[in-house]
Amino acid sequence: MPGSATWRAAKTREASDGVSISKARADTLDMLKTFLISKYNYDPGTYDNYNYATESKKATVRLDWNINQQNTFTIKYYYLNSFRNVAAGNSGAQVGRQPIVTGLPFSSSGYIELIVILIFLLQN
């Protein structure tokens, strides 16, 4: 799973163990990151020990008022502002885009999913 501590880059003079140390070399990934920043002004993020964030904000307000037997007044308000960082999927990738023994994706290889719902209802 992306961002988990399952895989990490191999340090200098460290071999891949096929279990938790990837064949991807930390010094190579650092050089790639430096190149992307200097040449394209693009920071790909980290390549190990990162977590994808998930956030959710919710609100629900409802006011019911029975004015009299013939009339009621209702106000409803719903709010949801939710986002999550999603790892790039393996669909269409020959090797995969998830951390594996032969490679580690950078943290910015995923995308952000944003959902905003706002409803205000006034009834009489």
PDB file of N, CA and C in Angstrom:
ATOM      1  N   MET A   1       0.849  -1.183   0.000  1.00  0.00           N
ATOM      2  CA  MET A   1       0.000   0.000   0.000  1.00  0.00           C
ATOM      3  C   MET A   1       0.888   1.237   0.000  1.00  0.00           C
ATOM      4  N   PRO A   2       0.586   2.215  -0.839  1.00  0.00           N
ATOM      5  CA  PRO A   2       1.393   3.423  -0.890  1.00  0.00           C
ATOM      6  C   PRO A   2       1.411   4.130   0.446  1.00  0.00           C
ATOM      7  N   GLY A   3       2.582   4.624   0.782  1.00  0.00           N
ATOM      8  CA  GLY A   3       2.705   5.360   2.009  1.00  0.00           C
ATOM      9  C   GLY A   3       2.917   4.487   3.232  1.00  0.00           C
ATOM     10  N   SER A   4       2.754   3.187   3.080  1.00  0.00           N
ATOM     11  CA  SER A   4       2.967   2.318   4.225  1.00  0.00           C
ATOM     12  C   SER A   4       4.452   2.056   4.386  1.00  0.00           C
ATOM     13  N   ALA A   5       4.802   1.532   5.525  1.00  0.00           N
ATOM     14  CA  ALA A   5       6.213   1.252   5.788  1.00  0.00           C
ATOM     15  C   ALA A   5       6.625  -0.103   5.213  1.00  0.00           C
ATOM     16  N   THR A   6       5.817  -0.689   4.366  1.00  0.00           N
ATOM     17  CA  THR A   6       6.112  -2.004   3.821  1.00  0.00           C
ATOM     18  C   THR A   6       7.401  -1.999   3.008  1.00  0.00           C
ATOM     19  N   TRP A   7       7.566  -1.042   2.132  1.00  0.00           N
ATOM     20  CA  TRP A   7       8.757  -0.961   1.288  1.00  0.00           C
ATOM     21  C   TRP A   7       9.513   0.331   1.559  1.00  0.00           C
ATOM     22  N   ARG A   8      10.833   0.251   1.500  1.00  0.00           N
ATOM     23  CA  ARG A   8      11.668   1.438   1.583  1.00  0.00           C
ATOM     24  C   ARG A   8      12.808   1.289   0.597  1.00  0.00           C
ATOM     25  N   ALA A   9      13.390   2.417   0.237  1.00  0.00           N
ATOM     26  CA  ALA A   9      14.488   2.413  -0.733  1.00  0.00           C
ATOM     27  C   ALA A   9      15.746   1.818  -0.092  1.00  0.00           C
ATOM     28  N   ALA A  10      16.525   1.167  -0.918  1.00  0.00           N
ATOM     29  CA  ALA A  10      17.787   0.598  -0.445  1.00  0.00           C
ATOM     30  C   ALA A  10      18.801   1.712  -0.235  1.00  0.00           C
ATOM     31  N   LYS A  11      19.475   1.688   0.887  1.00  0.00           N
ATOM     32  CA  LYS A  11      20.520   2.670   1.187  1.00  0.00           C
ATOM     33  C   LYS A  11      21.819   2.244   0.496  1.00  0.00           C
ATOM     34  N   THR A  12      22.852   3.058   0.583  1.00  0.00           N
ATOM     35  CA  THR A  12      24.147   2.760  -0.019  1.00  0.00           C
ATOM     36  C   THR A  12      24.677   1.428   0.515  1.00  0.00           C
ATOM     37  N   ARG A  13      25.120   0.576  -0.396  1.00  0.00           N
ATOM     38  CA  ARG A  13      25.678  -0.751  -0.091  1.00  0.00           C
ATOM     39  C   ARG A  13      24.695  -1.665   0.631  1.00  0.00           C
ATOM     40  N   GLU A  14      23.417  -1.468   0.402  1.00  0.00           N
ATOM     41  CA  GLU A  14      22.400  -2.317   1.008  1.00  0.00           C
ATOM     42  C   GLU A  14      21.662  -3.036  -0.112  1.00  0.00           C
ATOM     43  N   ALA A  15      21.528  -4.328   0.013  1.00  0.00           N
ATOM     44  CA  ALA A  15      20.859  -5.123  -1.018  1.00  0.00           C
ATOM     45  C   ALA A  15      19.378  -5.258  -0.695  1.00  0.00           C
ATOM     46  N   SER A  16      18.596  -5.459  -1.736  1.00  0.00           N
ATOM     47  CA  SER A  16      17.172  -5.709  -1.559  1.00  0.00           C
ATOM     48  C   SER A  16      16.988  -7.066  -0.893  1.00  0.00           C
ATOM     49  N   ASP A  17      16.086  -7.121   0.065  1.00  0.00           N
ATOM     50  CA  ASP A  17      15.810  -8.400   0.705  1.00  0.00           C
ATOM     51  C   ASP A  17      14.540  -9.043   0.170  1.00  0.00           C
ATOM     52  N   GLY A  18      13.833  -8.353  -0.763  1.00  0.00           N
ATOM     53  CA  GLY A  18      12.615  -8.895  -1.357  1.00  0.00           C
ATOM     54  C   GLY A  18      11.420  -8.873  -0.424  1.00  0.00           C
ATOM     55  N   VAL A  19      11.596  -8.343   0.771  1.00  0.00           N
ATOM     56  CA  VAL A  19      10.506  -8.309   1.743  1.00  0.00           C
ATOM     57  C   VAL A  19      10.125  -6.872   2.102  1.00  0.00           C
ATOM     58  N   SER A  20      11.124  -6.059   2.480  1.00  0.00           N
ATOM     59  CA  SER A  20      10.835  -4.687   2.883  1.00  0.00           C
ATOM     60  C   SER A  20      11.783  -3.669   2.261  1.00  0.00           C
ATOM     61  N   ILE A  21      12.894  -4.116   1.709  1.00  0.00           N
ATOM     62  CA  ILE A  21      13.855  -3.213   1.074  1.00  0.00           C
ATOM     63  C   ILE A  21      13.753  -3.378  -0.438  1.00  0.00           C
ATOM     64  N   SER A  22      13.386  -2.297  -1.096  1.00  0.00           N
ATOM     65  CA  SER A  22      13.190  -2.322  -2.547  1.00  0.00           C
ATOM     66  C   SER A  22      14.532  -2.310  -3.274  1.00  0.00           C
ATOM     67  N   LYS A  23      14.518  -2.724  -4.532  1.00  0.00           N
ATOM     68  CA  LYS A  23      15.708  -2.614  -5.380  1.00  0.00           C
ATOM     69  C   LYS A  23      15.946  -1.167  -5.807  1.00  0.00           C
ATOM     70  N   ALA A  24      14.937  -0.336  -5.642  1.00  0.00           N
ATOM     71  CA  ALA A  24      15.093   1.086  -5.946  1.00  0.00           C
ATOM     72  C   ALA A  24      16.079   1.680  -4.955  1.00  0.00           C
ATOM     73  N   ARG A  25      17.099   2.338  -5.457  1.00  0.00           N
ATOM     74  CA  ARG A  25      18.169   2.870  -4.632  1.00  0.00           C
ATOM     75  C   ARG A  25      17.822   4.292  -4.166  1.00  0.00           C
ATOM     76  N   ALA A  26      18.042   4.571  -2.915  1.00  0.00           N
ATOM     77  CA  ALA A  26      17.750   5.892  -2.350  1.00  0.00           C
ATOM     78  C   ALA A  26      18.549   6.978  -3.059  1.00  0.00           C
ATOM     79  N   ASP A  27      19.838   6.719  -3.338  1.00  0.00           N
ATOM     80  CA  ASP A  27      20.646   7.748  -3.992  1.00  0.00           C
ATOM     81  C   ASP A  27      20.166   8.019  -5.417  1.00  0.00           C
ATOM     82  N   THR A  28      19.689   7.002  -6.113  1.00  0.00           N
ATOM     83  CA  THR A  28      19.150   7.185  -7.467  1.00  0.00           C
ATOM     84  C   THR A  28      17.850   7.985  -7.425  1.00  0.00           C
ATOM     85  N   LEU A  29      16.976   7.651  -6.482  1.00  0.00           N
ATOM     86  CA  LEU A  29      15.721   8.384  -6.346  1.00  0.00           C
ATOM     87  C   LEU A  29      15.976   9.833  -5.931  1.00  0.00           C
ATOM     88  N   ASP A  30      16.979  10.054  -5.085  1.00  0.00           N
ATOM     89  CA  ASP A  30      17.340  11.428  -4.708  1.00  0.00           C
ATOM     90  C   ASP A  30      17.852  12.215  -5.913  1.00  0.00           C
ATOM     91  N   MET A  31      18.671  11.564  -6.755  1.00  0.00           N
ATOM     92  CA  MET A  31      19.166  12.243  -7.963  1.00  0.00           C
ATOM     93  C   MET A  31      18.022  12.552  -8.925  1.00  0.00           C
ATOM     94  N   LEU A  32      17.064  11.621  -9.060  1.00  0.00           N
ATOM     95  CA  LEU A  32      15.908  11.854  -9.919  1.00  0.00           C
ATOM     96  C   LEU A  32      15.087  13.027  -9.394  1.00  0.00           C
ATOM     97  N   LYS A  33      14.872  13.070  -8.096  1.00  0.00           N
ATOM     98  CA  LYS A  33      14.113  14.170  -7.497  1.00  0.00           C
ATOM     99  C   LYS A  33      14.821  15.501  -7.735  1.00  0.00           C
ATOM    100  N   THR A  34      16.131  15.539  -7.530  1.00  0.00           N
ATOM    101  CA  THR A  34      16.910  16.762  -7.748  1.00  0.00           C
ATOM    102  C   THR A  34      16.822  17.209  -9.204  1.00  0.00           C
ATOM    103  N   PHE A  35      16.902  16.259 -10.132  1.00  0.00           N
ATOM    104  CA  PHE A  35      16.794  16.578 -11.554  1.00  0.00           C
ATOM    105  C   PHE A  35      15.426  17.174 -11.877  1.00  0.00           C
ATOM    106  N   LEU A  36      14.356  16.557 -11.386  1.00  0.00           N
ATOM    107  CA  LEU A  36      13.005  17.051 -11.664  1.00  0.00           C
ATOM    108  C   LEU A  36      12.792  18.452 -11.104  1.00  0.00           C
ATOM    109  N   ILE A  37      13.358  18.710  -9.940  1.00  0.00           N
ATOM    110  CA  ILE A  37      13.217  20.042  -9.342  1.00  0.00           C
ATOM    111  C   ILE A  37      14.015  21.078 -10.123  1.00  0.00           C
ATOM    112  N   SER A  38      15.265  20.741 -10.456  1.00  0.00           N
ATOM    113  CA  SER A  38      16.119  21.729 -11.129  1.00  0.00           C
ATOM    114  C   SER A  38      15.728  21.946 -12.591  1.00  0.00           C
ATOM    115  N   LYS A  39      15.360  20.896 -13.297  1.00  0.00           N
ATOM    116  CA  LYS A  39      15.066  21.010 -14.726  1.00  0.00           C
ATOM    117  C   LYS A  39      13.637  21.483 -14.997  1.00  0.00           C
ATOM    118  N   TYR A  40      12.664  20.965 -14.241  1.00  0.00           N
ATOM    119  CA  TYR A  40      11.254  21.236 -14.525  1.00  0.00           C
ATOM    120  C   TYR A  40      10.524  21.976 -13.400  1.00  0.00           C
ATOM    121  N   ASN A  41      11.257  22.321 -12.318  1.00  0.00           N
ATOM    122  CA  ASN A  41      10.638  22.990 -11.181  1.00  0.00           C
ATOM    123  C   ASN A  41       9.459  22.181 -10.633  1.00  0.00           C
ATOM    124  N   TYR A  42       9.624  20.865 -10.620  1.00  0.00           N
ATOM    125  CA  TYR A  42       8.585  19.935 -10.163  1.00  0.00           C
ATOM    126  C   TYR A  42       9.141  19.107  -9.010  1.00  0.00           C
ATOM    127  N   ASP A  43       8.498  19.195  -7.859  1.00  0.00           N
ATOM    128  CA  ASP A  43       8.897  18.405  -6.696  1.00  0.00           C
ATOM    129  C   ASP A  43       8.007  17.170  -6.625  1.00  0.00           C
ATOM    130  N   PRO A  44       8.561  15.977  -6.865  1.00  0.00           N
ATOM    131  CA  PRO A  44       7.733  14.769  -6.854  1.00  0.00           C
ATOM    132  C   PRO A  44       7.381  14.275  -5.452  1.00  0.00           C
ATOM    133  N   GLY A  45       7.915  14.902  -4.426  1.00  0.00           N
ATOM    134  CA  GLY A  45       7.613  14.476  -3.063  1.00  0.00           C
ATOM    135  C   GLY A  45       8.594  13.435  -2.562  1.00  0.00           C
ATOM    136  N   THR A  46       8.189  12.721  -1.538  1.00  0.00           N
ATOM    137  CA  THR A  46       9.044  11.689  -0.960  1.00  0.00           C
ATOM    138  C   THR A  46       8.767  10.345  -1.631  1.00  0.00           C
ATOM    139  N   TYR A  47       9.652   9.394  -1.432  1.00  0.00           N
ATOM    140  CA  TYR A  47       9.458   8.080  -2.052  1.00  0.00           C
ATOM    141  C   TYR A  47       9.266   6.969  -1.029  1.00  0.00           C
ATOM    142  N   ASP A  48       9.457   7.234   0.231  1.00  0.00           N
ATOM    143  CA  ASP A  48       9.101   6.251   1.246  1.00  0.00           C
ATOM    144  C   ASP A  48       8.711   6.962   2.539  1.00  0.00           C
ATOM    145  N   ASN A  49       8.036   6.221   3.391  1.00  0.00           N
ATOM    146  CA  ASN A  49       7.562   6.737   4.680  1.00  0.00           C
ATOM    147  C   ASN A  49       6.614   7.933   4.542  1.00  0.00           C
ATOM    148  N   TYR A  50       5.684   7.865   3.616  1.00  0.00           N
ATOM    149  CA  TYR A  50       4.662   8.900   3.506  1.00  0.00           C
ATOM    150  C   TYR A  50       3.289   8.260   3.630  1.00  0.00           C
ATOM    151  N   ASN A  51       2.331   9.052   4.041  1.00  0.00           N
ATOM    152  CA  ASN A  51       0.948   8.591   4.173  1.00  0.00           C
ATOM    153  C   ASN A  51       0.049   9.475   3.346  1.00  0.00           C
ATOM    154  N   TYR A  52      -0.949   8.874   2.755  1.00  0.00           N
ATOM    155  CA  TYR A  52      -1.947   9.641   2.034  1.00  0.00           C
ATOM    156  C   TYR A  52      -2.987  10.145   3.032  1.00  0.00           C
ATOM    157  N   ALA A  53      -3.289  11.422   2.962  1.00  0.00           N
ATOM    158  CA  ALA A  53      -4.207  12.046   3.915  1.00  0.00           C
ATOM    159  C   ALA A  53      -5.656  11.822   3.507  1.00  0.00           C
ATOM    160  N   THR A  54      -6.504  11.773   4.486  1.00  0.00           N
ATOM    161  CA  THR A  54      -7.946  11.707   4.274  1.00  0.00           C
ATOM    162  C   THR A  54      -8.577  12.691   5.253  1.00  0.00           C
ATOM    163  N   GLU A  55      -9.437  13.543   4.758  1.00  0.00           N
ATOM    164  CA  GLU A  55     -10.077  14.540   5.609  1.00  0.00           C
ATOM    165  C   GLU A  55     -11.559  14.562   5.304  1.00  0.00           C
ATOM    166  N   SER A  56     -12.358  14.834   6.303  1.00  0.00           N
ATOM    167  CA  SER A  56     -13.799  14.912   6.115  1.00  0.00           C
ATOM    168  C   SER A  56     -14.364  15.935   7.078  1.00  0.00           C
ATOM    169  N   LYS A  57     -15.163  16.843   6.579  1.00  0.00           N
ATOM    170  CA  LYS A  57     -15.860  17.820   7.413  1.00  0.00           C
ATOM    171  C   LYS A  57     -17.343  17.617   7.164  1.00  0.00           C
ATOM    172  N   LYS A  58     -18.115  17.530   8.208  1.00  0.00           N
ATOM    173  CA  LYS A  58     -19.555  17.295   8.065  1.00  0.00           C
ATOM    174  C   LYS A  58     -20.333  18.257   8.955  1.00  0.00           C
ATOM    175  N   ALA A  59     -21.505  18.620   8.543  1.00  0.00           N
ATOM    176  CA  ALA A  59     -22.402  19.430   9.364  1.00  0.00           C
ATOM    177  C   ALA A  59     -23.827  19.127   8.941  1.00  0.00           C
ATOM    178  N   THR A  60     -24.690  18.982   9.875  1.00  0.00           N
ATOM    179  CA  THR A  60     -26.111  18.805   9.603  1.00  0.00           C
ATOM    180  C   THR A  60     -26.872  19.620  10.637  1.00  0.00           C
ATOM    181  N   VAL A  61     -27.732  20.485  10.177  1.00  0.00           N
ATOM    182  CA  VAL A  61     -28.552  21.316  11.059  1.00  0.00           C
ATOM    183  C   VAL A  61     -29.989  21.195  10.580  1.00  0.00           C
ATOM    184  N   ARG A  62     -30.892  20.993  11.517  1.00  0.00           N
ATOM    185  CA  ARG A  62     -32.300  20.931  11.159  1.00  0.00           C
ATOM    186  C   ARG A  62     -33.104  21.608  12.263  1.00  0.00           C
ATOM    187  N   LEU A  63     -33.987  22.481  11.834  1.00  0.00           N
ATOM    188  CA  LEU A  63     -34.862  23.179  12.764  1.00  0.00           C
ATOM    189  C   LEU A  63     -36.302  22.970  12.302  1.00  0.00           C
ATOM    190  N   ASP A  64     -37.097  22.344  13.140  1.00  0.00           N
ATOM    191  CA  ASP A  64     -38.526  22.157  12.871  1.00  0.00           C
ATOM    192  C   ASP A  64     -39.313  22.957  13.898  1.00  0.00           C
ATOM    193  N   TRP A  65     -40.222  23.776  13.418  1.00  0.00           N
ATOM    194  CA  TRP A  65     -41.033  24.597  14.308  1.00  0.00           C
ATOM    195  C   TRP A  65     -42.490  24.453  13.902  1.00  0.00           C
ATOM    196  N   ASN A  66     -43.275  23.965  14.810  1.00  0.00           N
ATOM    197  CA  ASN A  66     -44.713  23.883  14.594  1.00  0.00           C
ATOM    198  C   ASN A  66     -45.320  25.197  15.075  1.00  0.00           C
ATOM    199  N   ILE A  67     -45.575  26.083  14.142  1.00  0.00           N
ATOM    200  CA  ILE A  67     -46.095  27.414  14.474  1.00  0.00           C
ATOM    201  C   ILE A  67     -47.486  27.282  15.098  1.00  0.00           C
ATOM    202  N   ASN A  68     -48.316  26.519  14.441  1.00  0.00           N
ATOM    203  CA  ASN A  68     -49.629  26.167  14.968  1.00  0.00           C
ATOM    204  C   ASN A  68     -50.045  24.858  14.303  1.00  0.00           C
ATOM    205  N   GLN A  69     -51.283  24.429  14.458  1.00  0.00           N
ATOM    206  CA  GLN A  69     -51.690  23.138  13.894  1.00  0.00           C
ATOM    207  C   GLN A  69     -51.706  23.135  12.373  1.00  0.00           C
ATOM    208  N   GLN A  70     -51.844  24.265  11.727  1.00  0.00           N
ATOM    209  CA  GLN A  70     -51.904  24.341  10.276  1.00  0.00           C
ATOM    210  C   GLN A  70     -50.552  24.709   9.648  1.00  0.00           C
ATOM    211  N   ASN A  71     -49.616  25.276  10.392  1.00  0.00           N
ATOM    212  CA  ASN A  71     -48.381  25.795   9.809  1.00  0.00           C
ATOM    213  C   ASN A  71     -47.137  25.245  10.526  1.00  0.00           C
ATOM    214  N   THR A  72     -46.202  24.857   9.698  1.00  0.00           N
ATOM    215  CA  THR A  72     -44.903  24.432  10.225  1.00  0.00           C
ATOM    216  C   THR A  72     -43.806  25.179   9.474  1.00  0.00           C
ATOM    217  N   PHE A  73     -42.671  25.265  10.090  1.00  0.00           N
ATOM    218  CA  PHE A  73     -41.529  25.934   9.488  1.00  0.00           C
ATOM    219  C   PHE A  73     -40.315  25.027   9.684  1.00  0.00           C
ATOM    220  N   THR A  74     -39.600  24.741   8.585  1.00  0.00           N
ATOM    221  CA  THR A  74     -38.456  23.834   8.641  1.00  0.00           C
ATOM    222  C   THR A  74     -37.271  24.446   7.915  1.00  0.00           C
ATOM    223  N   ILE A  75     -36.125  24.375   8.553  1.00  0.00           N
ATOM    224  CA  ILE A  75     -34.863  24.761   7.922  1.00  0.00           C
ATOM    225  C   ILE A  75     -33.937  23.548   7.995  1.00  0.00           C
ATOM    226  N   LYS A  76     -33.360  23.199   6.845  1.00  0.00           N
ATOM    227  CA  LYS A  76     -32.394  22.096   6.800  1.00  0.00           C
ATOM    228  C   LYS A  76     -31.114  22.602   6.147  1.00  0.00           C
ATOM    229  N   TYR A  77     -30.003  22.210   6.710  1.00  0.00           N
ATOM    230  CA  TYR A  77     -28.704  22.603   6.167  1.00  0.00           C
ATOM    231  C   TYR A  77     -27.776  21.403   6.257  1.00  0.00           C
ATOM    232  N   TYR A  78     -27.215  21.017   5.148  1.00  0.00           N
ATOM    233  CA  TYR A  78     -26.245  19.922   5.106  1.00  0.00           C
ATOM    234  C   TYR A  78     -24.956  20.459   4.508  1.00  0.00           C
ATOM    235  N   TYR A  79     -23.839  19.987   4.980  1.00  0.00           N
ATOM    236  CA  TYR A  79     -22.552  20.418   4.453  1.00  0.00           C
ATOM    237  C   TYR A  79     -21.582  19.243   4.530  1.00  0.00           C
ATOM    238  N   LEU A  80     -20.863  18.990   3.484  1.00  0.00           N
ATOM    239  CA  LEU A  80     -19.825  17.963   3.479  1.00  0.00           C
ATOM    240  C   LEU A  80     -18.686  18.464   2.613  1.00  0.00           C
ATOM    241  N   ASN A  81     -17.513  18.540   3.171  1.00  0.00           N
ATOM    242  CA  ASN A  81     -16.318  18.910   2.430  1.00  0.00           C
ATOM    243  C   ASN A  81     -15.316  17.809   2.699  1.00  0.00           C
ATOM    244  N   SER A  82     -15.075  16.963   1.746  1.00  0.00           N
ATOM    245  CA  SER A  82     -14.254  15.786   1.966  1.00  0.00           C
ATOM    246  C   SER A  82     -13.187  15.694   0.891  1.00  0.00           C
ATOM    247  N   PHE A  83     -11.993  15.287   1.248  1.00  0.00           N
ATOM    248  CA  PHE A  83     -10.984  15.027   0.243  1.00  0.00           C
ATOM    249  C   PHE A  83     -10.123  13.869   0.700  1.00  0.00           C
ATOM    250  N   ARG A  84      -9.485  13.228  -0.240  1.00  0.00           N
ATOM    251  CA  ARG A  84      -8.528  12.185   0.086  1.00  0.00           C
ATOM    252  C   ARG A  84      -7.498  12.109  -1.016  1.00  0.00           C
ATOM    253  N   ASN A  85      -6.299  11.802  -0.624  1.00  0.00           N
ATOM    254  CA  ASN A  85      -5.245  11.552  -1.595  1.00  0.00           C
ATOM    255  C   ASN A  85      -5.341  10.095  -2.000  1.00  0.00           C
ATOM    256  N   VAL A  86      -5.339   9.848  -3.286  1.00  0.00           N
ATOM    257  CA  VAL A  86      -5.520   8.501  -3.813  1.00  0.00           C
ATOM    258  C   VAL A  86      -4.265   8.095  -4.565  1.00  0.00           C
ATOM    259  N   ALA A  87      -3.795   6.900  -4.292  1.00  0.00           N
ATOM    260  CA  ALA A  87      -2.625   6.392  -5.004  1.00  0.00           C
ATOM    261  C   ALA A  87      -2.972   6.144  -6.461  1.00  0.00           C
ATOM    262  N   ALA A  88      -1.985   6.306  -7.324  1.00  0.00           N
ATOM    263  CA  ALA A  88      -2.194   6.004  -8.733  1.00  0.00           C
ATOM    264  C   ALA A  88      -2.528   4.522  -8.872  1.00  0.00           C
ATOM    265  N   GLY A  89      -3.506   4.210  -9.701  1.00  0.00           N
ATOM    266  CA  GLY A  89      -3.913   2.823  -9.882  1.00  0.00           C
ATOM    267  C   GLY A  89      -2.979   2.070 -10.816  1.00  0.00           C
ATOM    268  N   ASN A  90      -3.104   0.769 -10.798  1.00  0.00           N
ATOM    269  CA  ASN A  90      -2.286  -0.083 -11.658  1.00  0.00           C
ATOM    270  C   ASN A  90      -2.899  -0.293 -13.037  1.00  0.00           C
ATOM    271  N   SER A  91      -4.073   0.239 -13.270  1.00  0.00           N
ATOM    272  CA  SER A  91      -4.738   0.060 -14.547  1.00  0.00           C
ATOM    273  C   SER A  91      -3.908   0.642 -15.685  1.00  0.00           C
ATOM    274  N   GLY A  92      -3.604  -0.154 -16.658  1.00  0.00           N
ATOM    275  CA  GLY A  92      -2.847   0.290 -17.822  1.00  0.00           C
ATOM    276  C   GLY A  92      -1.345   0.284 -17.631  1.00  0.00           C
ATOM    277  N   ALA A  93      -0.884  -0.031 -16.439  1.00  0.00           N
ATOM    278  CA  ALA A  93       0.560  -0.061 -16.171  1.00  0.00           C
ATOM    279  C   ALA A  93       1.073  -1.485 -16.346  1.00  0.00           C
ATOM    280  N   GLN A  94       2.152  -1.636 -17.080  1.00  0.00           N
ATOM    281  CA  GLN A  94       2.693  -2.973 -17.297  1.00  0.00           C
ATOM    282  C   GLN A  94       3.348  -3.532 -16.042  1.00  0.00           C
ATOM    283  N   VAL A  95       4.004  -2.684 -15.281  1.00  0.00           N
ATOM    284  CA  VAL A  95       4.719  -3.147 -14.095  1.00  0.00           C
ATOM    285  C   VAL A  95       3.945  -2.834 -12.823  1.00  0.00           C
ATOM    286  N   GLY A  96       3.136  -1.813 -12.821  1.00  0.00           N
ATOM    287  CA  GLY A  96       2.405  -1.388 -11.635  1.00  0.00           C
ATOM    288  C   GLY A  96       2.905  -0.041 -11.149  1.00  0.00           C
ATOM    289  N   ARG A  97       2.071   0.618 -10.379  1.00  0.00           N
ATOM    290  CA  ARG A  97       2.427   1.942  -9.864  1.00  0.00           C
ATOM    291  C   ARG A  97       2.476   1.957  -8.349  1.00  0.00           C
ATOM    292  N   GLN A  98       2.396   0.811  -7.737  1.00  0.00           N
ATOM    293  CA  GLN A  98       2.435   0.701  -6.284  1.00  0.00           C
ATOM    294  C   GLN A  98       3.851   0.328  -5.844  1.00  0.00           C
ATOM    295  N   PRO A  99       4.190   0.553  -4.568  1.00  0.00           N
ATOM    296  CA  PRO A  99       5.508   0.154  -4.082  1.00  0.00           C
ATOM    297  C   PRO A  99       5.688  -1.361  -4.203  1.00  0.00           C
ATOM    298  N   ILE A 100       6.731  -1.771  -4.878  1.00  0.00           N
ATOM    299  CA  ILE A 100       7.037  -3.183  -5.054  1.00  0.00           C
ATOM    300  C   ILE A 100       8.542  -3.367  -4.919  1.00  0.00           C
ATOM    301  N   VAL A 101       8.992  -4.585  -5.039  1.00  0.00           N
ATOM    302  CA  VAL A 101      10.411  -4.885  -4.855  1.00  0.00           C
ATOM    303  C   VAL A 101      11.289  -4.158  -5.870  1.00  0.00           C
ATOM    304  N   THR A 102      10.768  -3.857  -7.046  1.00  0.00           N
ATOM    305  CA  THR A 102      11.600  -3.230  -8.079  1.00  0.00           C
ATOM    306  C   THR A 102      11.431  -1.726  -8.185  1.00  0.00           C
ATOM    307  N   GLY A 103      10.544  -1.113  -7.434  1.00  0.00           N
ATOM    308  CA  GLY A 103      10.374   0.332  -7.556  1.00  0.00           C
ATOM    309  C   GLY A 103       9.486   0.935  -6.494  1.00  0.00           C
ATOM    310  N   LEU A 104       9.668   2.233  -6.282  1.00  0.00           N
ATOM    311  CA  LEU A 104       8.873   3.000  -5.327  1.00  0.00           C
ATOM    312  C   LEU A 104       8.327   4.249  -6.006  1.00  0.00           C
ATOM    313  N   PRO A 105       7.031   4.482  -5.949  1.00  0.00           N
ATOM    314  CA  PRO A 105       6.492   5.728  -6.507  1.00  0.00           C
ATOM    315  C   PRO A 105       6.737   6.891  -5.553  1.00  0.00           C
ATOM    316  N   PHE A 106       6.837   8.085  -6.103  1.00  0.00           N
ATOM    317  CA  PHE A 106       6.915   9.277  -5.274  1.00  0.00           C
ATOM    318  C   PHE A 106       5.525   9.591  -4.736  1.00  0.00           C
ATOM    319  N   SER A 107       5.486  10.352  -3.653  1.00  0.00           N
ATOM    320  CA  SER A 107       4.206  10.656  -3.003  1.00  0.00           C
ATOM    321  C   SER A 107       3.264  11.462  -3.896  1.00  0.00           C
ATOM    322  N   SER A 108       3.798  12.232  -4.834  1.00  0.00           N
ATOM    323  CA  SER A 108       2.923  13.039  -5.693  1.00  0.00           C
ATOM    324  C   SER A 108       2.454  12.284  -6.930  1.00  0.00           C
ATOM    325  N   SER A 109       2.672  10.983  -6.978  1.00  0.00           N
ATOM    326  CA  SER A 109       2.235  10.220  -8.153  1.00  0.00           C
ATOM    327  C   SER A 109       0.743   9.925  -8.123  1.00  0.00           C
ATOM    328  N   GLY A 110       0.094  10.191  -7.014  1.00  0.00           N
ATOM    329  CA  GLY A 110      -1.344   9.972  -6.914  1.00  0.00           C
ATOM    330  C   GLY A 110      -2.121  11.210  -7.318  1.00  0.00           C
ATOM    331  N   TYR A 111      -3.354  11.286  -6.870  1.00  0.00           N
ATOM    332  CA  TYR A 111      -4.205  12.433  -7.175  1.00  0.00           C
ATOM    333  C   TYR A 111      -5.105  12.714  -5.990  1.00  0.00           C
ATOM    334  N   ILE A 112      -5.741  13.876  -6.005  1.00  0.00           N
ATOM    335  CA  ILE A 112      -6.632  14.271  -4.921  1.00  0.00           C
ATOM    336  C   ILE A 112      -8.071  14.167  -5.406  1.00  0.00           C
ATOM    337  N   GLU A 113      -8.898  13.517  -4.595  1.00  0.00           N
ATOM    338  CA  GLU A 113     -10.324  13.407  -4.886  1.00  0.00           C
ATOM    339  C   GLU A 113     -11.047  14.359  -3.941  1.00  0.00           C
ATOM    340  N   LEU A 114     -11.794  15.287  -4.490  1.00  0.00           N
ATOM    341  CA  LEU A 114     -12.473  16.304  -3.692  1.00  0.00           C
ATOM    342  C   LEU A 114     -13.977  16.205  -3.902  1.00  0.00           C
ATOM    343  N   ILE A 115     -14.709  16.194  -2.804  1.00  0.00           N
ATOM    344  CA  ILE A 115     -16.167  16.148  -2.857  1.00  0.00           C
ATOM    345  C   ILE A 115     -16.692  17.285  -1.994  1.00  0.00           C
ATOM    346  N   VAL A 116     -17.533  18.128  -2.561  1.00  0.00           N
ATOM    347  CA  VAL A 116     -18.148  19.220  -1.811  1.00  0.00           C
ATOM    348  C   VAL A 116     -19.652  19.167  -2.051  1.00  0.00           C
ATOM    349  N   ILE A 117     -20.406  19.065  -0.984  1.00  0.00           N
ATOM    350  CA  ILE A 117     -21.868  19.047  -1.078  1.00  0.00           C
ATOM    351  C   ILE A 117     -22.396  20.096  -0.110  1.00  0.00           C
ATOM    352  N   LEU A 118     -23.243  20.957  -0.597  1.00  0.00           N
ATOM    353  CA  LEU A 118     -23.848  21.995   0.228  1.00  0.00           C
ATOM    354  C   LEU A 118     -25.324  22.083  -0.147  1.00  0.00           C
ATOM    355  N   ILE A 119     -26.197  21.862   0.817  1.00  0.00           N
ATOM    356  CA  ILE A 119     -27.637  21.905   0.581  1.00  0.00           C
ATOM    357  C   ILE A 119     -28.271  22.779   1.645  1.00  0.00           C
ATOM    358  N   PHE A 120     -29.082  23.713   1.211  1.00  0.00           N
ATOM    359  CA  PHE A 120     -29.837  24.547   2.136  1.00  0.00           C
ATOM    360  C   PHE A 120     -31.289  24.480   1.688  1.00  0.00           C
ATOM    361  N   LEU A 121     -32.157  24.109   2.583  1.00  0.00           N
ATOM    362  CA  LEU A 121     -33.571  23.914   2.237  1.00  0.00           C
ATOM    363  C   LEU A 121     -34.428  24.666   3.252  1.00  0.00           C
ATOM    364  N   LEU A 122     -35.337  25.446   2.745  1.00  0.00           N
ATOM    365  CA  LEU A 122     -36.257  26.206   3.594  1.00  0.00           C
ATOM    366  C   LEU A 122     -37.676  25.828   3.189  1.00  0.00           C
ATOM    367  N   GLN A 123     -38.445  25.321   4.123  1.00  0.00           N
ATOM    368  CA  GLN A 123     -39.820  24.922   3.831  1.00  0.00           C
ATOM    369  C   GLN A 123     -40.777  25.681   4.732  1.00  0.00           C
ATOM    370  N   ASN A 124     -41.945  25.929   4.184  1.00  0.00           N
ATOM    371  CA  ASN A 124     -42.980  26.582   4.962  1.00  0.00           C
ATOM    372  C   ASN A 124     -44.268  25.858   4.764  1.00  0.00           C
TER     373      ASN A 124
END
